């Protein structure tokens, strides 16, 4: 793998996590293509999760960026009781593996990562973890997220789960 590309992709993903932790929503949303899909499937059994968000249940599914934009609007306006007050989060990303996206646009990438997010709200700390697959499209000196597919491995959810946890 090209070390320069590896570094650029890692820095992009670290920046995405940092913006989410800082709740810098405008900059965070700009990292997503307007047609980007955001999907967190539900587990069907101990080792099988749903694959088609249009035919099966999902924990979160947004067909395009407007779903994320709506969540941010609800957070900003106080219309999301589940996000008031907002938790403090700390995202960690590791094992970044990059491949060219087969059949994708020129330069499009598929990036697999492991992730964990610690969160704190109402004097309670929690932790979500899993792996994710990003599809990235080069844009200038950076990238845009065209798809984010997140598999939540600790799917016993005893707290609010929202996009900012993943």
C-alpha atoms as a PDB file:
ATOM      1  CA  UNK A   1       0.000   0.000   0.000  1.00  0.00           C
ATOM      2  CA  UNK A   2       1.172   3.475  -0.848  1.00  0.00           C
ATOM      3  CA  UNK A   3       2.338   4.988   2.505  1.00  0.00           C
ATOM      4  CA  UNK A   4       1.262   8.476   1.428  1.00  0.00           C
ATOM      5  CA  UNK A   5      -2.270   7.266   0.664  1.00  0.00           C
ATOM      6  CA  UNK A   6      -2.387   5.291   3.915  1.00  0.00           C
ATOM      7  CA  UNK A   7      -1.418   8.407   5.859  1.00  0.00           C
ATOM      8  CA  UNK A   8      -3.925  10.623   4.017  1.00  0.00           C
ATOM      9  CA  UNK A   9      -6.808   8.208   4.635  1.00  0.00           C
ATOM     10  CA  UNK A  10      -5.897   7.764   8.300  1.00  0.00           C
ATOM     11  CA  UNK A  11      -5.695  11.538   8.814  1.00  0.00           C
ATOM     12  CA  UNK A  12      -9.070  11.981   7.118  1.00  0.00           C
ATOM     13  CA  UNK A  13     -10.698   9.407   9.407  1.00  0.00           C
ATOM     14  CA  UNK A  14      -9.009  10.838  12.502  1.00  0.00           C
ATOM     15  CA  UNK A  15     -10.293  14.292  11.527  1.00  0.00           C
ATOM     16  CA  UNK A  16     -13.811  12.884  11.090  1.00  0.00           C
ATOM     17  CA  UNK A  17     -13.656  11.391  14.596  1.00  0.00           C
ATOM     18  CA  UNK A  18     -12.246  14.615  16.055  1.00  0.00           C
ATOM     19  CA  UNK A  19     -14.987  16.748  14.517  1.00  0.00           C
ATOM     20  CA  UNK A  20     -17.630  14.407  15.907  1.00  0.00           C
ATOM     21  CA  UNK A  21     -16.060  14.514  19.386  1.00  0.00           C
ATOM     22  CA  UNK A  22     -15.931  18.329  19.228  1.00  0.00           C
ATOM     23  CA  UNK A  23     -19.521  18.419  17.965  1.00  0.00           C
ATOM     24  CA  UNK A  24     -18.342  20.549  15.044  1.00  0.00           C
ATOM     25  CA  UNK A  25     -21.364  19.441  13.071  1.00  0.00           C
ATOM     26  CA  UNK A  26     -21.048  21.620   9.966  1.00  0.00           C
ATOM     27  CA  UNK A  27     -17.500  20.463   9.272  1.00  0.00           C
ATOM     28  CA  UNK A  28     -18.422  16.884  10.172  1.00  0.00           C
ATOM     29  CA  UNK A  29     -21.338  16.842   7.718  1.00  0.00           C
ATOM     30  CA  UNK A  30     -19.181  18.339   4.951  1.00  0.00           C
ATOM     31  CA  UNK A  31     -17.061  15.178   5.037  1.00  0.00           C
ATOM     32  CA  UNK A  32     -20.071  13.223   3.735  1.00  0.00           C
ATOM     33  CA  UNK A  33     -21.173  13.316   0.118  1.00  0.00           C
ATOM     34  CA  UNK A  34     -24.793  14.533  -0.227  1.00  0.00           C
ATOM     35  CA  UNK A  35     -25.736  11.054  -1.525  1.00  0.00           C
ATOM     36  CA  UNK A  36     -23.768   9.162   1.123  1.00  0.00           C
ATOM     37  CA  UNK A  37     -25.403   6.198   2.823  1.00  0.00           C
ATOM     38  CA  UNK A  38     -25.028   5.625   6.585  1.00  0.00           C
ATOM     39  CA  UNK A  39     -25.977   2.129   7.760  1.00  0.00           C
ATOM     40  CA  UNK A  40     -25.800   0.290  11.071  1.00  0.00           C
ATOM     41  CA  UNK A  41     -27.377  -3.150  10.623  1.00  0.00           C
ATOM     42  CA  UNK A  42     -29.193  -5.100  13.291  1.00  0.00           C
ATOM     43  CA  UNK A  43     -28.039  -8.567  14.301  1.00  0.00           C
ATOM     44  CA  UNK A  44     -30.269 -11.424  13.116  1.00  0.00           C
ATOM     45  CA  UNK A  45     -28.399 -14.020  15.157  1.00  0.00           C
ATOM     46  CA  UNK A  46     -25.198 -14.285  17.153  1.00  0.00           C
ATOM     47  CA  UNK A  47     -23.001 -14.121  14.031  1.00  0.00           C
ATOM     48  CA  UNK A  48     -25.242 -12.805  11.246  1.00  0.00           C
ATOM     49  CA  UNK A  49     -26.375  -9.244  10.718  1.00  0.00           C
ATOM     50  CA  UNK A  50     -28.869  -7.826   8.246  1.00  0.00           C
ATOM     51  CA  UNK A  51     -27.470  -6.751   4.910  1.00  0.00           C
ATOM     52  CA  UNK A  52     -30.284  -4.966   3.085  1.00  0.00           C
ATOM     53  CA  UNK A  53     -31.516  -1.884   4.955  1.00  0.00           C
ATOM     54  CA  UNK A  54     -34.536  -1.608   2.687  1.00  0.00           C
ATOM     55  CA  UNK A  55     -35.775  -5.122   3.524  1.00  0.00           C
ATOM     56  CA  UNK A  56     -34.532  -5.730   7.073  1.00  0.00           C
ATOM     57  CA  UNK A  57     -34.312  -3.902  10.367  1.00  0.00           C
ATOM     58  CA  UNK A  58     -31.387  -1.611  11.021  1.00  0.00           C
ATOM     59  CA  UNK A  59     -30.221   0.172  14.141  1.00  0.00           C
ATOM     60  CA  UNK A  60     -29.617   3.269  11.998  1.00  0.00           C
ATOM     61  CA  UNK A  61     -30.183   3.790   8.300  1.00  0.00           C
ATOM     62  CA  UNK A  62     -29.935   7.017   6.317  1.00  0.00           C
ATOM     63  CA  UNK A  63     -30.172   6.648   2.530  1.00  0.00           C
ATOM     64  CA  UNK A  64     -28.334   9.958   2.096  1.00  0.00           C
ATOM     65  CA  UNK A  65     -26.736  12.769   4.092  1.00  0.00           C
ATOM     66  CA  UNK A  66     -30.077  14.426   4.789  1.00  0.00           C
ATOM     67  CA  UNK A  67     -30.677  11.843   7.548  1.00  0.00           C
ATOM     68  CA  UNK A  68     -27.541  13.018   9.337  1.00  0.00           C
ATOM     69  CA  UNK A  69     -28.484  16.630   8.678  1.00  0.00           C
ATOM     70  CA  UNK A  70     -31.874  16.030  10.274  1.00  0.00           C
ATOM     71  CA  UNK A  71     -30.271  14.504  13.380  1.00  0.00           C
ATOM     72  CA  UNK A  72     -27.915  17.492  13.681  1.00  0.00           C
ATOM     73  CA  UNK A  73     -30.851  19.894  13.298  1.00  0.00           C
ATOM     74  CA  UNK A  74     -32.751  18.102  16.082  1.00  0.00           C
ATOM     75  CA  UNK A  75     -29.674  18.196  18.330  1.00  0.00           C
ATOM     76  CA  UNK A  76     -29.052  21.899  17.707  1.00  0.00           C
ATOM     77  CA  UNK A  77     -32.648  22.912  18.283  1.00  0.00           C
ATOM     78  CA  UNK A  78     -33.113  20.811  21.416  1.00  0.00           C
ATOM     79  CA  UNK A  79     -35.744  18.676  19.668  1.00  0.00           C
ATOM     80  CA  UNK A  80     -33.845  15.484  20.429  1.00  0.00           C
ATOM     81  CA  UNK A  81     -34.627  14.538  24.008  1.00  0.00           C
ATOM     82  CA  UNK A  82     -32.360  11.513  23.594  1.00  0.00           C
ATOM     83  CA  UNK A  83     -29.431  13.874  22.955  1.00  0.00           C
ATOM     84  CA  UNK A  84     -30.098  16.432  25.688  1.00  0.00           C
ATOM     85  CA  UNK A  85     -27.633  16.890  27.177  1.00  0.00           C
ATOM     86  CA  UNK A  86     -25.182  15.704  24.557  1.00  0.00           C
ATOM     87  CA  UNK A  87     -22.786  13.044  25.775  1.00  0.00           C
ATOM     88  CA  UNK A  88     -19.072  13.624  25.710  1.00  0.00           C
ATOM     89  CA  UNK A  89     -17.444  11.172  23.308  1.00  0.00           C
ATOM     90  CA  UNK A  90     -13.979   9.944  22.430  1.00  0.00           C
ATOM     91  CA  UNK A  91     -13.584   8.013  19.188  1.00  0.00           C
ATOM     92  CA  UNK A  92     -10.649   5.722  18.509  1.00  0.00           C
ATOM     93  CA  UNK A  93      -9.853   4.184  15.119  1.00  0.00           C
ATOM     94  CA  UNK A  94      -7.370   1.413  14.432  1.00  0.00           C
ATOM     95  CA  UNK A  95      -6.360  -1.244  11.884  1.00  0.00           C
ATOM     96  CA  UNK A  96      -7.031   0.970   8.884  1.00  0.00           C
ATOM     97  CA  UNK A  97      -6.962  -1.215   5.768  1.00  0.00           C
ATOM     98  CA  UNK A  98      -7.383   0.304   2.314  1.00  0.00           C
ATOM     99  CA  UNK A  99      -8.334  -1.207  -1.027  1.00  0.00           C
ATOM    100  CA  UNK A 100      -9.400   0.284  -4.332  1.00  0.00           C
ATOM    101  CA  UNK A 101     -13.156   0.022  -4.679  1.00  0.00           C
ATOM    102  CA  UNK A 102     -13.866  -2.636  -7.304  1.00  0.00           C
ATOM    103  CA  UNK A 103     -15.952  -1.147 -10.090  1.00  0.00           C
ATOM    104  CA  UNK A 104     -15.997   2.201  -8.303  1.00  0.00           C
ATOM    105  CA  UNK A 105     -15.197   5.614  -9.646  1.00  0.00           C
ATOM    106  CA  UNK A 106     -11.586   6.274 -10.465  1.00  0.00           C
ATOM    107  CA  UNK A 107      -9.596   6.498  -7.255  1.00  0.00           C
ATOM    108  CA  UNK A 108     -12.537   5.423  -5.068  1.00  0.00           C
ATOM    109  CA  UNK A 109     -11.477   3.507  -1.984  1.00  0.00           C
ATOM    110  CA  UNK A 110     -12.965   0.974   0.383  1.00  0.00           C
ATOM    111  CA  UNK A 111     -11.534   1.388   3.862  1.00  0.00           C
ATOM    112  CA  UNK A 112     -12.015  -1.088   6.711  1.00  0.00           C
ATOM    113  CA  UNK A 113     -11.383   0.014  10.292  1.00  0.00           C
ATOM    114  CA  UNK A 114     -11.861  -1.148  13.833  1.00  0.00           C
ATOM    115  CA  UNK A 115     -13.318   1.497  16.125  1.00  0.00           C
ATOM    116  CA  UNK A 116     -14.355   2.156  19.683  1.00  0.00           C
ATOM    117  CA  UNK A 117     -16.154   5.092  21.231  1.00  0.00           C
ATOM    118  CA  UNK A 118     -16.246   5.944  24.897  1.00  0.00           C
ATOM    119  CA  UNK A 119     -19.110   8.162  25.995  1.00  0.00           C
ATOM    120  CA  UNK A 120     -20.152   9.906  29.180  1.00  0.00           C
ATOM    121  CA  UNK A 121     -23.576  11.303  30.081  1.00  0.00           C
ATOM    122  CA  UNK A 122     -25.608  11.650  33.277  1.00  0.00           C
ATOM    123  CA  UNK A 123     -22.632  10.526  35.422  1.00  0.00           C
ATOM    124  CA  UNK A 124     -22.463   7.253  33.507  1.00  0.00           C
ATOM    125  CA  UNK A 125     -19.676   6.085  31.229  1.00  0.00           C
ATOM    126  CA  UNK A 126     -20.256   3.672  28.381  1.00  0.00           C
ATOM    127  CA  UNK A 127     -18.468   2.102  25.475  1.00  0.00           C
ATOM    128  CA  UNK A 128     -19.447   1.029  21.960  1.00  0.00           C
ATOM    129  CA  UNK A 129     -17.118  -0.855  19.618  1.00  0.00           C
ATOM    130  CA  UNK A 130     -17.082  -2.632  16.306  1.00  0.00           C
ATOM    131  CA  UNK A 131     -15.777  -2.378  12.787  1.00  0.00           C
ATOM    132  CA  UNK A 132     -16.741  -0.152   9.896  1.00  0.00           C
ATOM    133  CA  UNK A 133     -16.372   0.017   6.165  1.00  0.00           C
ATOM    134  CA  UNK A 134     -16.101   3.409   4.511  1.00  0.00           C
ATOM    135  CA  UNK A 135     -16.312   4.131   0.826  1.00  0.00           C
ATOM    136  CA  UNK A 136     -14.316   7.239   0.009  1.00  0.00           C
ATOM    137  CA  UNK A 137     -14.175   9.327  -3.124  1.00  0.00           C
ATOM    138  CA  UNK A 138     -11.124  11.525  -3.686  1.00  0.00           C
ATOM    139  CA  UNK A 139     -11.936  15.232  -3.652  1.00  0.00           C
ATOM    140  CA  UNK A 140      -9.095  17.676  -4.122  1.00  0.00           C
ATOM    141  CA  UNK A 141      -6.451  16.925  -1.507  1.00  0.00           C
ATOM    142  CA  UNK A 142      -8.907  14.988   0.640  1.00  0.00           C
ATOM    143  CA  UNK A 143     -11.903  12.671   0.392  1.00  0.00           C
ATOM    144  CA  UNK A 144     -15.672  12.537   0.761  1.00  0.00           C
ATOM    145  CA  UNK A 145     -17.489   9.685   2.464  1.00  0.00           C
ATOM    146  CA  UNK A 146     -19.921   8.080   0.027  1.00  0.00           C
ATOM    147  CA  UNK A 147     -20.919   5.219   2.345  1.00  0.00           C
ATOM    148  CA  UNK A 148     -20.379   4.353   5.991  1.00  0.00           C
ATOM    149  CA  UNK A 149     -21.366   0.851   7.078  1.00  0.00           C
ATOM    150  CA  UNK A 150     -20.901   0.254  10.810  1.00  0.00           C
ATOM    151  CA  UNK A 151     -21.156  -3.109  12.552  1.00  0.00           C
ATOM    152  CA  UNK A 152     -21.787  -2.635  16.260  1.00  0.00           C
ATOM    153  CA  UNK A 153     -20.289  -5.628  18.050  1.00  0.00           C
ATOM    154  CA  UNK A 154     -21.607  -4.862  21.544  1.00  0.00           C
ATOM    155  CA  UNK A 155     -25.183  -4.709  20.421  1.00  0.00           C
ATOM    156  CA  UNK A 156     -26.750  -4.922  23.867  1.00  0.00           C
ATOM    157  CA  UNK A 157     -27.555  -1.246  24.011  1.00  0.00           C
ATOM    158  CA  UNK A 158     -28.227   0.030  27.505  1.00  0.00           C
ATOM    159  CA  UNK A 159     -27.956   3.685  26.519  1.00  0.00           C
ATOM    160  CA  UNK A 160     -28.962   5.964  23.683  1.00  0.00           C
ATOM    161  CA  UNK A 161     -27.336   5.003  20.391  1.00  0.00           C
ATOM    162  CA  UNK A 162     -26.938   7.690  17.754  1.00  0.00           C
ATOM    163  CA  UNK A 163     -24.625   8.517  14.862  1.00  0.00           C
ATOM    164  CA  UNK A 164     -22.214  10.385  17.148  1.00  0.00           C
ATOM    165  CA  UNK A 165     -21.476   7.162  19.051  1.00  0.00           C
ATOM    166  CA  UNK A 166     -20.171   5.401  15.934  1.00  0.00           C
END
